[in-house]
Amino acid sequence: MKSMTLAQLGAQQPALKLLRLRSFDPDIYLVEMVIQDETYRLIDALGRPMAFRSQLAAKKPFKGLSVDRAELVQESAYDEMIGQPLRSGRNTLRVDIARPKDDLS
């Protein structure tokens, strides 16, 4: 997966097909973007994935960009917690959420 910083995002102003927020734990969100059929991970200046504490905070940097669709993805750790082998995609919840420009914040 490719990576992009907020500075690169601001300079390029790409059109995003999809803004994907990956939910980890109760209040940790990582961001992935689909730009021209390629998926990018949002990283900081040191190359680490950027973590946000709310959906709103994760979407805020994208307010002025063109975003076709936004979704929240949460994967359940249930299988791992009970000692079962991981089942790819079977415990994943995908929900469409408001695009950054549609948020009332």
PDB file of N, CA and C in Angstrom:
ATOM      1  N   MET A   1       0.849  -1.171   0.000  1.00  0.00           N
ATOM      2  CA  MET A   1       0.000   0.000   0.000  1.00  0.00           C
ATOM      3  C   MET A   1       0.899   1.240   0.000  1.00  0.00           C
ATOM      4  N   LYS A   2       0.547   2.215  -0.801  1.00  0.00           N
ATOM      5  CA  LYS A   2       1.288   3.467  -0.855  1.00  0.00           C
ATOM      6  C   LYS A   2       0.900   4.345   0.320  1.00  0.00           C
ATOM      7  N   SER A   3       1.702   5.385   0.540  1.00  0.00           N
ATOM      8  CA  SER A   3       1.445   6.306   1.648  1.00  0.00           C
ATOM      9  C   SER A   3       1.464   7.739   1.149  1.00  0.00           C
ATOM     10  N   MET A   4       0.792   8.628   1.920  1.00  0.00           N
ATOM     11  CA  MET A   4       0.754  10.042   1.585  1.00  0.00           C
ATOM     12  C   MET A   4       0.632  10.835   2.880  1.00  0.00           C
ATOM     13  N   THR A   5       1.344  11.963   2.953  1.00  0.00           N
ATOM     14  CA  THR A   5       1.260  12.847   4.114  1.00  0.00           C
ATOM     15  C   THR A   5       0.186  13.907   3.886  1.00  0.00           C
ATOM     16  N   LEU A   6      -0.171  14.617   4.942  1.00  0.00           N
ATOM     17  CA  LEU A   6      -1.131  15.716   4.806  1.00  0.00           C
ATOM     18  C   LEU A   6      -0.563  16.818   3.908  1.00  0.00           C
ATOM     19  N   ALA A   7       0.758  17.069   3.993  1.00  0.00           N
ATOM     20  CA  ALA A   7       1.381  18.088   3.142  1.00  0.00           C
ATOM     21  C   ALA A   7       1.262  17.705   1.667  1.00  0.00           C
ATOM     22  N   GLN A   8       1.517  16.429   1.346  1.00  0.00           N
ATOM     23  CA  GLN A   8       1.384  15.959  -0.031  1.00  0.00           C
ATOM     24  C   GLN A   8      -0.069  16.049  -0.483  1.00  0.00           C
ATOM     25  N   LEU A   9      -0.970  15.694   0.396  1.00  0.00           N
ATOM     26  CA  LEU A   9      -2.398  15.753   0.083  1.00  0.00           C
ATOM     27  C   LEU A   9      -2.820  17.184  -0.235  1.00  0.00           C
ATOM     28  N   GLY A  10      -2.363  18.128   0.574  1.00  0.00           N
ATOM     29  CA  GLY A  10      -2.694  19.531   0.347  1.00  0.00           C
ATOM     30  C   GLY A  10      -2.096  20.077  -0.937  1.00  0.00           C
ATOM     31  N   ALA A  11      -0.890  19.653  -1.272  1.00  0.00           N
ATOM     32  CA  ALA A  11      -0.226  20.136  -2.484  1.00  0.00           C
ATOM     33  C   ALA A  11      -0.865  19.564  -3.748  1.00  0.00           C
ATOM     34  N   GLN A  12      -1.255  18.296  -3.682  1.00  0.00           N
ATOM     35  CA  GLN A  12      -1.793  17.633  -4.874  1.00  0.00           C
ATOM     36  C   GLN A  12      -3.289  17.864  -5.058  1.00  0.00           C
ATOM     37  N   GLN A  13      -4.030  18.065  -3.979  1.00  0.00           N
ATOM     38  CA  GLN A  13      -5.485  18.249  -4.030  1.00  0.00           C
ATOM     39  C   GLN A  13      -6.166  17.169  -4.895  1.00  0.00           C
ATOM     40  N   PRO A  14      -5.896  15.878  -4.629  1.00  0.00           N
ATOM     41  CA  PRO A  14      -6.472  14.830  -5.473  1.00  0.00           C
ATOM     42  C   PRO A  14      -7.968  14.647  -5.237  1.00  0.00           C
ATOM     43  N   ALA A  15      -8.635  14.086  -6.229  1.00  0.00           N
ATOM     44  CA  ALA A  15     -10.041  13.696  -6.079  1.00  0.00           C
ATOM     45  C   ALA A  15     -10.051  12.287  -5.492  1.00  0.00           C
ATOM     46  N   LEU A  16     -10.719  12.108  -4.382  1.00  0.00           N
ATOM     47  CA  LEU A  16     -10.764  10.808  -3.719  1.00  0.00           C
ATOM     48  C   LEU A  16     -12.020  10.055  -4.113  1.00  0.00           C
ATOM     49  N   LYS A  17     -11.842   8.838  -4.595  1.00  0.00           N
ATOM     50  CA  LYS A  17     -12.996   7.982  -4.863  1.00  0.00           C
ATOM     51  C   LYS A  17     -13.609   7.525  -3.550  1.00  0.00           C
ATOM     52  N   LEU A  18     -12.721   7.251  -2.578  1.00  0.00           N
ATOM     53  CA  LEU A  18     -13.180   6.721  -1.299  1.00  0.00           C
ATOM     54  C   LEU A  18     -12.277   7.203  -0.182  1.00  0.00           C
ATOM     55  N   LEU A  19     -12.876   7.669   0.894  1.00  0.00           N
ATOM     56  CA  LEU A  19     -12.181   7.969   2.135  1.00  0.00           C
ATOM     57  C   LEU A  19     -12.606   6.886   3.112  1.00  0.00           C
ATOM     58  N   ARG A  20     -11.652   6.089   3.559  1.00  0.00           N
ATOM     59  CA  ARG A  20     -11.963   4.958   4.442  1.00  0.00           C
ATOM     60  C   ARG A  20     -11.367   5.212   5.818  1.00  0.00           C
ATOM     61  N   LEU A  21     -12.216   5.202   6.834  1.00  0.00           N
ATOM     62  CA  LEU A  21     -11.762   5.313   8.218  1.00  0.00           C
ATOM     63  C   LEU A  21     -11.771   3.922   8.821  1.00  0.00           C
ATOM     64  N   ARG A  22     -10.620   3.478   9.275  1.00  0.00           N
ATOM     65  CA  ARG A  22     -10.515   2.171   9.927  1.00  0.00           C
ATOM     66  C   ARG A  22     -10.547   2.381  11.434  1.00  0.00           C
ATOM     67  N   SER A  23     -11.520   1.771  12.077  1.00  0.00           N
ATOM     68  CA  SER A  23     -11.731   1.932  13.511  1.00  0.00           C
ATOM     69  C   SER A  23     -10.994   0.836  14.279  1.00  0.00           C
ATOM     70  N   PHE A  24     -10.152   1.280  15.213  1.00  0.00           N
ATOM     71  CA  PHE A  24      -9.424   0.365  16.095  1.00  0.00           C
ATOM     72  C   PHE A  24      -9.686   0.813  17.520  1.00  0.00           C
ATOM     73  N   ASP A  25      -9.990  -0.122  18.385  1.00  0.00           N
ATOM     74  CA  ASP A  25     -10.322   0.231  19.760  1.00  0.00           C
ATOM     75  C   ASP A  25     -11.492   1.220  19.753  1.00  0.00           C
ATOM     76  N   PRO A  26     -11.860   1.734  20.900  1.00  0.00           N
ATOM     77  CA  PRO A  26     -13.015   2.627  20.908  1.00  0.00           C
ATOM     78  C   PRO A  26     -12.779   3.967  20.193  1.00  0.00           C
ATOM     79  N   ASP A  27     -11.606   4.553  20.329  1.00  0.00           N
ATOM     80  CA  ASP A  27     -11.398   5.903  19.809  1.00  0.00           C
ATOM     81  C   ASP A  27     -10.092   6.067  19.032  1.00  0.00           C
ATOM     82  N   ILE A  28      -9.767   5.135  18.179  1.00  0.00           N
ATOM     83  CA  ILE A  28      -8.586   5.262  17.334  1.00  0.00           C
ATOM     84  C   ILE A  28      -9.001   4.976  15.899  1.00  0.00           C
ATOM     85  N   TYR A  29      -8.737   5.958  15.033  1.00  0.00           N
ATOM     86  CA  TYR A  29      -9.102   5.842  13.625  1.00  0.00           C
ATOM     87  C   TYR A  29      -7.874   6.083  12.759  1.00  0.00           C
ATOM     88  N   LEU A  30      -7.635   5.192  11.816  1.00  0.00           N
ATOM     89  CA  LEU A  30      -6.604   5.362  10.804  1.00  0.00           C
ATOM     90  C   LEU A  30      -7.309   5.642   9.489  1.00  0.00           C
ATOM     91  N   VAL A  31      -6.629   6.350   8.580  1.00  0.00           N
ATOM     92  CA  VAL A  31      -7.258   6.786   7.342  1.00  0.00           C
ATOM     93  C   VAL A  31      -6.594   6.142   6.133  1.00  0.00           C
ATOM     94  N   GLU A  32      -7.426   5.644   5.228  1.00  0.00           N
ATOM     95  CA  GLU A  32      -6.984   5.177   3.924  1.00  0.00           C
ATOM     96  C   GLU A  32      -7.768   5.956   2.876  1.00  0.00           C
ATOM     97  N   MET A  33      -7.127   6.197   1.734  1.00  0.00           N
ATOM     98  CA  MET A  33      -7.759   6.942   0.647  1.00  0.00           C
ATOM     99  C   MET A  33      -7.610   6.153  -0.636  1.00  0.00           C
ATOM    100  N   VAL A  34      -8.634   6.129  -1.461  1.00  0.00           N
ATOM    101  CA  VAL A  34      -8.541   5.526  -2.785  1.00  0.00           C
ATOM    102  C   VAL A  34      -8.529   6.678  -3.783  1.00  0.00           C
ATOM    103  N   ILE A  35      -7.397   6.763  -4.500  1.00  0.00           N
ATOM    104  CA  ILE A  35      -7.190   7.816  -5.494  1.00  0.00           C
ATOM    105  C   ILE A  35      -6.812   7.123  -6.799  1.00  0.00           C
ATOM    106  N   GLN A  36      -7.590   7.311  -7.825  1.00  0.00           N
ATOM    107  CA  GLN A  36      -7.347   6.690  -9.137  1.00  0.00           C
ATOM    108  C   GLN A  36      -7.069   5.190  -9.002  1.00  0.00           C
ATOM    109  N   ASP A  37      -7.926   4.490  -8.299  1.00  0.00           N
ATOM    110  CA  ASP A  37      -7.867   3.039  -8.115  1.00  0.00           C
ATOM    111  C   ASP A  37      -6.654   2.541  -7.338  1.00  0.00           C
ATOM    112  N   GLU A  38      -5.938   3.428  -6.650  1.00  0.00           N
ATOM    113  CA  GLU A  38      -4.836   3.007  -5.785  1.00  0.00           C
ATOM    114  C   GLU A  38      -5.156   3.424  -4.364  1.00  0.00           C
ATOM    115  N   THR A  39      -4.810   2.566  -3.409  1.00  0.00           N
ATOM    116  CA  THR A  39      -5.074   2.838  -2.003  1.00  0.00           C
ATOM    117  C   THR A  39      -3.834   3.419  -1.338  1.00  0.00           C
ATOM    118  N   TYR A  40      -4.047   4.491  -0.594  1.00  0.00           N
ATOM    119  CA  TYR A  40      -2.982   5.171   0.135  1.00  0.00           C
ATOM    120  C   TYR A  40      -3.314   5.193   1.609  1.00  0.00           C
ATOM    121  N   ARG A  41      -2.289   5.094   2.436  1.00  0.00           N
ATOM    122  CA  ARG A  41      -2.435   5.234   3.883  1.00  0.00           C
ATOM    123  C   ARG A  41      -1.983   6.647   4.233  1.00  0.00           C
ATOM    124  N   LEU A  42      -2.714   7.342   5.108  1.00  0.00           N
ATOM    125  CA  LEU A  42      -2.327   8.670   5.558  1.00  0.00           C
ATOM    126  C   LEU A  42      -1.263   8.527   6.638  1.00  0.00           C
ATOM    127  N   ILE A  43      -0.100   9.175   6.421  1.00  0.00           N
ATOM    128  CA  ILE A  43       1.011   9.063   7.367  1.00  0.00           C
ATOM    129  C   ILE A  43       1.452  10.449   7.829  1.00  0.00           C
ATOM    130  N   ASP A  44       2.213  10.482   8.931  1.00  0.00           N
ATOM    131  CA  ASP A  44       2.773  11.744   9.401  1.00  0.00           C
ATOM    132  C   ASP A  44       4.128  11.978   8.735  1.00  0.00           C
ATOM    133  N   ALA A  45       4.804  13.052   9.113  1.00  0.00           N
ATOM    134  CA  ALA A  45       6.077  13.415   8.492  1.00  0.00           C
ATOM    135  C   ALA A  45       7.178  12.389   8.759  1.00  0.00           C
ATOM    136  N   LEU A  46       7.019  11.572   9.796  1.00  0.00           N
ATOM    137  CA  LEU A  46       8.019  10.549  10.118  1.00  0.00           C
ATOM    138  C   LEU A  46       7.700   9.194   9.484  1.00  0.00           C
ATOM    139  N   GLY A  47       6.609   9.139   8.722  1.00  0.00           N
ATOM    140  CA  GLY A  47       6.253   7.896   8.038  1.00  0.00           C
ATOM    141  C   GLY A  47       5.375   6.957   8.840  1.00  0.00           C
ATOM    142  N   ARG A  48       4.899   7.413   9.997  1.00  0.00           N
ATOM    143  CA  ARG A  48       4.010   6.584  10.821  1.00  0.00           C
ATOM    144  C   ARG A  48       2.555   6.853  10.453  1.00  0.00           C
ATOM    145  N   PRO A  49       1.706   5.832  10.515  1.00  0.00           N
ATOM    146  CA  PRO A  49       0.277   6.068  10.238  1.00  0.00           C
ATOM    147  C   PRO A  49      -0.290   7.104  11.201  1.00  0.00           C
ATOM    148  N   MET A  50      -1.057   8.047  10.664  1.00  0.00           N
ATOM    149  CA  MET A  50      -1.681   9.062  11.504  1.00  0.00           C
ATOM    150  C   MET A  50      -2.896   8.472  12.193  1.00  0.00           C
ATOM    151  N   ALA A  51      -2.988   8.671  13.494  1.00  0.00           N
ATOM    152  CA  ALA A  51      -4.118   8.184  14.275  1.00  0.00           C
ATOM    153  C   ALA A  51      -4.940   9.372  14.757  1.00  0.00           C
ATOM    154  N   PHE A  52      -6.255   9.224  14.694  1.00  0.00           N
ATOM    155  CA  PHE A  52      -7.178  10.265  15.125  1.00  0.00           C
ATOM    156  C   PHE A  52      -8.061   9.700  16.230  1.00  0.00           C
ATOM    157  N   ARG A  53      -8.596  10.579  17.079  1.00  0.00           N
ATOM    158  CA  ARG A  53      -9.409  10.159  18.230  1.00  0.00           C
ATOM    159  C   ARG A  53     -10.905  10.187  17.975  1.00  0.00           C
ATOM    160  N   SER A  54     -11.314  10.646  16.787  1.00  0.00           N
ATOM    161  CA  SER A  54     -12.739  10.643  16.456  1.00  0.00           C
ATOM    162  C   SER A  54     -12.899  10.634  14.943  1.00  0.00           C
ATOM    163  N   GLN A  55     -14.092  10.247  14.487  1.00  0.00           N
ATOM    164  CA  GLN A  55     -14.375  10.290  13.052  1.00  0.00           C
ATOM    165  C   GLN A  55     -14.272  11.720  12.542  1.00  0.00           C
ATOM    166  N   LEU A  56     -14.783  12.641  13.320  1.00  0.00           N
ATOM    167  CA  LEU A  56     -14.780  14.047  12.922  1.00  0.00           C
ATOM    168  C   LEU A  56     -13.346  14.554  12.730  1.00  0.00           C
ATOM    169  N   ALA A  57     -12.473  14.244  13.672  1.00  0.00           N
ATOM    170  CA  ALA A  57     -11.074  14.673  13.571  1.00  0.00           C
ATOM    171  C   ALA A  57     -10.386  14.027  12.368  1.00  0.00           C
ATOM    172  N   ALA A  58     -10.732  12.786  12.060  1.00  0.00           N
ATOM    173  CA  ALA A  58     -10.126  12.081  10.926  1.00  0.00           C
ATOM    174  C   ALA A  58     -10.585  12.663   9.591  1.00  0.00           C
ATOM    175  N   LYS A  59     -11.808  13.176   9.552  1.00  0.00           N
ATOM    176  CA  LYS A  59     -12.342  13.728   8.304  1.00  0.00           C
ATOM    177  C   LYS A  59     -11.987  15.199   8.093  1.00  0.00           C
ATOM    178  N   LYS A  60     -11.634  15.892   9.148  1.00  0.00           N
ATOM    179  CA  LYS A  60     -11.391  17.331   9.070  1.00  0.00           C
ATOM    180  C   LYS A  60     -10.336  17.727   8.028  1.00  0.00           C
ATOM    181  N   PRO A  61      -9.196  17.034   7.897  1.00  0.00           N
ATOM    182  CA  PRO A  61      -8.203  17.424   6.888  1.00  0.00           C
ATOM    183  C   PRO A  61      -8.704  17.298   5.446  1.00  0.00           C
ATOM    184  N   PHE A  62      -9.826  16.635   5.239  1.00  0.00           N
ATOM    185  CA  PHE A  62     -10.345  16.384   3.897  1.00  0.00           C
ATOM    186  C   PHE A  62     -11.492  17.320   3.530  1.00  0.00           C
ATOM    187  N   LYS A  63     -11.803  18.302   4.387  1.00  0.00           N
ATOM    188  CA  LYS A  63     -12.960  19.184   4.193  1.00  0.00           C
ATOM    189  C   LYS A  63     -12.975  19.874   2.832  1.00  0.00           C
ATOM    190  N   GLY A  64     -11.843  20.349   2.332  1.00  0.00           N
ATOM    191  CA  GLY A  64     -11.835  21.088   1.082  1.00  0.00           C
ATOM    192  C   GLY A  64     -11.588  20.239  -0.154  1.00  0.00           C
ATOM    193  N   LEU A  65     -11.484  18.929   0.024  1.00  0.00           N
ATOM    194  CA  LEU A  65     -11.173  18.041  -1.102  1.00  0.00           C
ATOM    195  C   LEU A  65     -12.435  17.395  -1.664  1.00  0.00           C
ATOM    196  N   SER A  66     -12.326  16.944  -2.885  1.00  0.00           N
ATOM    197  CA  SER A  66     -13.421  16.212  -3.524  1.00  0.00           C
ATOM    198  C   SER A  66     -13.383  14.764  -3.038  1.00  0.00           C
ATOM    199  N   VAL A  67     -14.425  14.340  -2.354  1.00  0.00           N
ATOM    200  CA  VAL A  67     -14.539  12.968  -1.845  1.00  0.00           C
ATOM    201  C   VAL A  67     -15.861  12.401  -2.342  1.00  0.00           C
ATOM    202  N   ASP A  68     -15.787  11.360  -3.176  1.00  0.00           N
ATOM    203  CA  ASP A  68     -17.002  10.757  -3.725  1.00  0.00           C
ATOM    204  C   ASP A  68     -17.795   9.988  -2.678  1.00  0.00           C
ATOM    205  N   ARG A  69     -17.068   9.266  -1.807  1.00  0.00           N
ATOM    206  CA  ARG A  69     -17.736   8.383  -0.839  1.00  0.00           C
ATOM    207  C   ARG A  69     -16.857   8.225   0.386  1.00  0.00           C
ATOM    208  N   ALA A  70     -17.475   8.046   1.545  1.00  0.00           N
ATOM    209  CA  ALA A  70     -16.728   7.798   2.780  1.00  0.00           C
ATOM    210  C   ALA A  70     -17.337   6.578   3.471  1.00  0.00           C
ATOM    211  N   GLU A  71     -16.470   5.779   4.081  1.00  0.00           N
ATOM    212  CA  GLU A  71     -16.962   4.602   4.801  1.00  0.00           C
ATOM    213  C   GLU A  71     -16.154   4.386   6.077  1.00  0.00           C
ATOM    214  N   LEU A  72     -16.814   3.757   7.025  1.00  0.00           N
ATOM    215  CA  LEU A  72     -16.189   3.343   8.279  1.00  0.00           C
ATOM    216  C   LEU A  72     -16.038   1.830   8.223  1.00  0.00           C
ATOM    217  N   VAL A  73     -14.847   1.345   8.564  1.00  0.00           N
ATOM    218  CA  VAL A  73     -14.586  -0.098   8.555  1.00  0.00           C
ATOM    219  C   VAL A  73     -14.125  -0.503   9.945  1.00  0.00           C
ATOM    220  N   GLN A  74     -14.785  -1.515  10.495  1.00  0.00           N
ATOM    221  CA  GLN A  74     -14.388  -2.050  11.796  1.00  0.00           C
ATOM    222  C   GLN A  74     -14.306  -3.560  11.692  1.00  0.00           C
ATOM    223  N   GLU A  75     -13.158  -4.093  12.101  1.00  0.00           N
ATOM    224  CA  GLU A  75     -12.974  -5.541  12.085  1.00  0.00           C
ATOM    225  C   GLU A  75     -13.060  -6.056  13.511  1.00  0.00           C
ATOM    226  N   SER A  76     -13.837  -7.074  13.705  1.00  0.00           N
ATOM    227  CA  SER A  76     -14.016  -7.647  15.032  1.00  0.00           C
ATOM    228  C   SER A  76     -12.844  -8.560  15.379  1.00  0.00           C
ATOM    229  N   ALA A  77     -12.407  -8.482  16.624  1.00  0.00           N
ATOM    230  CA  ALA A  77     -11.333  -9.346  17.105  1.00  0.00           C
ATOM    231  C   ALA A  77     -11.902 -10.580  17.812  1.00  0.00           C
ATOM    232  N   TYR A  78     -13.173 -10.862  17.630  1.00  0.00           N
ATOM    233  CA  TYR A  78     -13.834 -11.952  18.346  1.00  0.00           C
ATOM    234  C   TYR A  78     -13.130 -13.288  18.128  1.00  0.00           C
ATOM    235  N   ASP A  79     -12.851 -13.652  16.868  1.00  0.00           N
ATOM    236  CA  ASP A  79     -12.201 -14.941  16.601  1.00  0.00           C
ATOM    237  C   ASP A  79     -10.872 -15.052  17.341  1.00  0.00           C
ATOM    238  N   GLU A  80     -10.086 -14.004  17.294  1.00  0.00           N
ATOM    239  CA  GLU A  80      -8.788 -14.000  17.961  1.00  0.00           C
ATOM    240  C   GLU A  80      -8.954 -14.140  19.473  1.00  0.00           C
ATOM    241  N   MET A  81      -9.973 -13.456  20.038  1.00  0.00           N
ATOM    242  CA  MET A  81     -10.179 -13.482  21.485  1.00  0.00           C
ATOM    243  C   MET A  81     -10.554 -14.868  21.990  1.00  0.00           C
ATOM    244  N   ILE A  82     -11.237 -15.659  21.168  1.00  0.00           N
ATOM    245  CA  ILE A  82     -11.653 -16.983  21.639  1.00  0.00           C
ATOM    246  C   ILE A  82     -10.746 -18.095  21.118  1.00  0.00           C
ATOM    247  N   GLY A  83      -9.593 -17.702  20.528  1.00  0.00           N
ATOM    248  CA  GLY A  83      -8.609 -18.682  20.105  1.00  0.00           C
ATOM    249  C   GLY A  83      -8.898 -19.355  18.774  1.00  0.00           C
ATOM    250  N   GLN A  84      -9.757 -18.779  17.967  1.00  0.00           N
ATOM    251  CA  GLN A  84     -10.079 -19.347  16.654  1.00  0.00           C
ATOM    252  C   GLN A  84      -9.166 -18.735  15.588  1.00  0.00           C
ATOM    253  N   PRO A  85      -8.966 -19.451  14.488  1.00  0.00           N
ATOM    254  CA  PRO A  85      -8.181 -18.853  13.402  1.00  0.00           C
ATOM    255  C   PRO A  85      -8.932 -17.647  12.823  1.00  0.00           C
ATOM    256  N   LEU A  86      -8.152 -16.667  12.354  1.00  0.00           N
ATOM    257  CA  LEU A  86      -8.754 -15.470  11.784  1.00  0.00           C
ATOM    258  C   LEU A  86      -9.429 -15.795  10.462  1.00  0.00           C
ATOM    259  N   ARG A  87     -10.611 -15.236  10.245  1.00  0.00           N
ATOM    260  CA  ARG A  87     -11.361 -15.444   9.003  1.00  0.00           C
ATOM    261  C   ARG A  87     -11.410 -14.125   8.257  1.00  0.00           C
ATOM    262  N   SER A  88     -10.641 -14.025   7.217  1.00  0.00           N
ATOM    263  CA  SER A  88     -10.523 -12.780   6.469  1.00  0.00           C
ATOM    264  C   SER A  88     -11.875 -12.289   5.951  1.00  0.00           C
ATOM    265  N   GLY A  89     -12.220 -11.045   6.323  1.00  0.00           N
ATOM    266  CA  GLY A  89     -13.420 -10.407   5.803  1.00  0.00           C
ATOM    267  C   GLY A  89     -14.739 -10.849   6.419  1.00  0.00           C
ATOM    268  N   ARG A  90     -14.755 -11.915   7.184  1.00  0.00           N
ATOM    269  CA  ARG A  90     -16.029 -12.420   7.712  1.00  0.00           C
ATOM    270  C   ARG A  90     -16.513 -11.646   8.934  1.00  0.00           C
ATOM    271  N   ASN A  91     -15.586 -11.006   9.632  1.00  0.00           N
ATOM    272  CA  ASN A  91     -15.968 -10.249  10.823  1.00  0.00           C
ATOM    273  C   ASN A  91     -15.749  -8.759  10.603  1.00  0.00           C
ATOM    274  N   THR A  92     -15.997  -8.310   9.386  1.00  0.00           N
ATOM    275  CA  THR A  92     -15.780  -6.907   9.044  1.00  0.00           C
ATOM    276  C   THR A  92     -17.100  -6.195   8.839  1.00  0.00           C
ATOM    277  N   LEU A  93     -17.221  -5.045   9.487  1.00  0.00           N
ATOM    278  CA  LEU A  93     -18.400  -4.198   9.339  1.00  0.00           C
ATOM    279  C   LEU A  93     -18.003  -2.991   8.500  1.00  0.00           C
ATOM    280  N   ARG A  94     -18.720  -2.746   7.410  1.00  0.00           N
ATOM    281  CA  ARG A  94     -18.488  -1.586   6.532  1.00  0.00           C
ATOM    282  C   ARG A  94     -19.777  -0.768   6.505  1.00  0.00           C
ATOM    283  N   VAL A  95     -19.653   0.501   6.844  1.00  0.00           N
ATOM    284  CA  VAL A  95     -20.814   1.377   6.903  1.00  0.00           C
ATOM    285  C   VAL A  95     -20.492   2.678   6.174  1.00  0.00           C
ATOM    286  N   ASP A  96     -21.379   3.097   5.270  1.00  0.00           N
ATOM    287  CA  ASP A  96     -21.212   4.404   4.626  1.00  0.00           C
ATOM    288  C   ASP A  96     -21.449   5.487   5.672  1.00  0.00           C
ATOM    289  N   ILE A  97     -20.603   6.505   5.662  1.00  0.00           N
ATOM    290  CA  ILE A  97     -20.732   7.627   6.582  1.00  0.00           C
ATOM    291  C   ILE A  97     -20.748   8.929   5.769  1.00  0.00           C
ATOM    292  N   ALA A  98     -21.067  10.022   6.407  1.00  0.00           N
ATOM    293  CA  ALA A  98     -21.118  11.317   5.733  1.00  0.00           C
ATOM    294  C   ALA A  98     -19.732  11.709   5.221  1.00  0.00           C
ATOM    295  N   ARG A  99     -19.713  12.269   4.023  1.00  0.00           N
ATOM    296  CA  ARG A  99     -18.466  12.783   3.463  1.00  0.00           C
ATOM    297  C   ARG A  99     -18.057  14.010   4.259  1.00  0.00           C
ATOM    298  N   PRO A 100     -16.760  14.359   4.254  1.00  0.00           N
ATOM    299  CA  PRO A 100     -16.320  15.515   5.037  1.00  0.00           C
ATOM    300  C   PRO A 100     -17.103  16.793   4.735  1.00  0.00           C
ATOM    301  N   LYS A 101     -17.427  17.055   3.478  1.00  0.00           N
ATOM    302  CA  LYS A 101     -18.149  18.293   3.151  1.00  0.00           C
ATOM    303  C   LYS A 101     -19.609  18.256   3.610  1.00  0.00           C
ATOM    304  N   ASP A 102     -20.139  17.075   3.906  1.00  0.00           N
ATOM    305  CA  ASP A 102     -21.524  16.946   4.352  1.00  0.00           C
ATOM    306  C   ASP A 102     -21.682  16.972   5.873  1.00  0.00           C
ATOM    307  N   ASP A 103     -20.551  16.905   6.591  1.00  0.00           N
ATOM    308  CA  ASP A 103     -20.615  16.998   8.062  1.00  0.00           C
ATOM    309  C   ASP A 103     -21.097  18.376   8.473  1.00  0.00           C
ATOM    310  N   LEU A 104     -21.871  18.431   9.498  1.00  0.00           N
ATOM    311  CA  LEU A 104     -22.415  19.703   9.961  1.00  0.00           C
ATOM    312  C   LEU A 104     -21.515  20.358  11.011  1.00  0.00           C
ATOM    313  N   SER A 105     -20.259  19.970  11.028  1.00  0.00           N
ATOM    314  CA  SER A 105     -19.335  20.527  12.022  1.00  0.00           C
ATOM    315  C   SER A 105     -18.635  21.768  11.514  1.00  0.00           C
TER     316      SER A 105
END
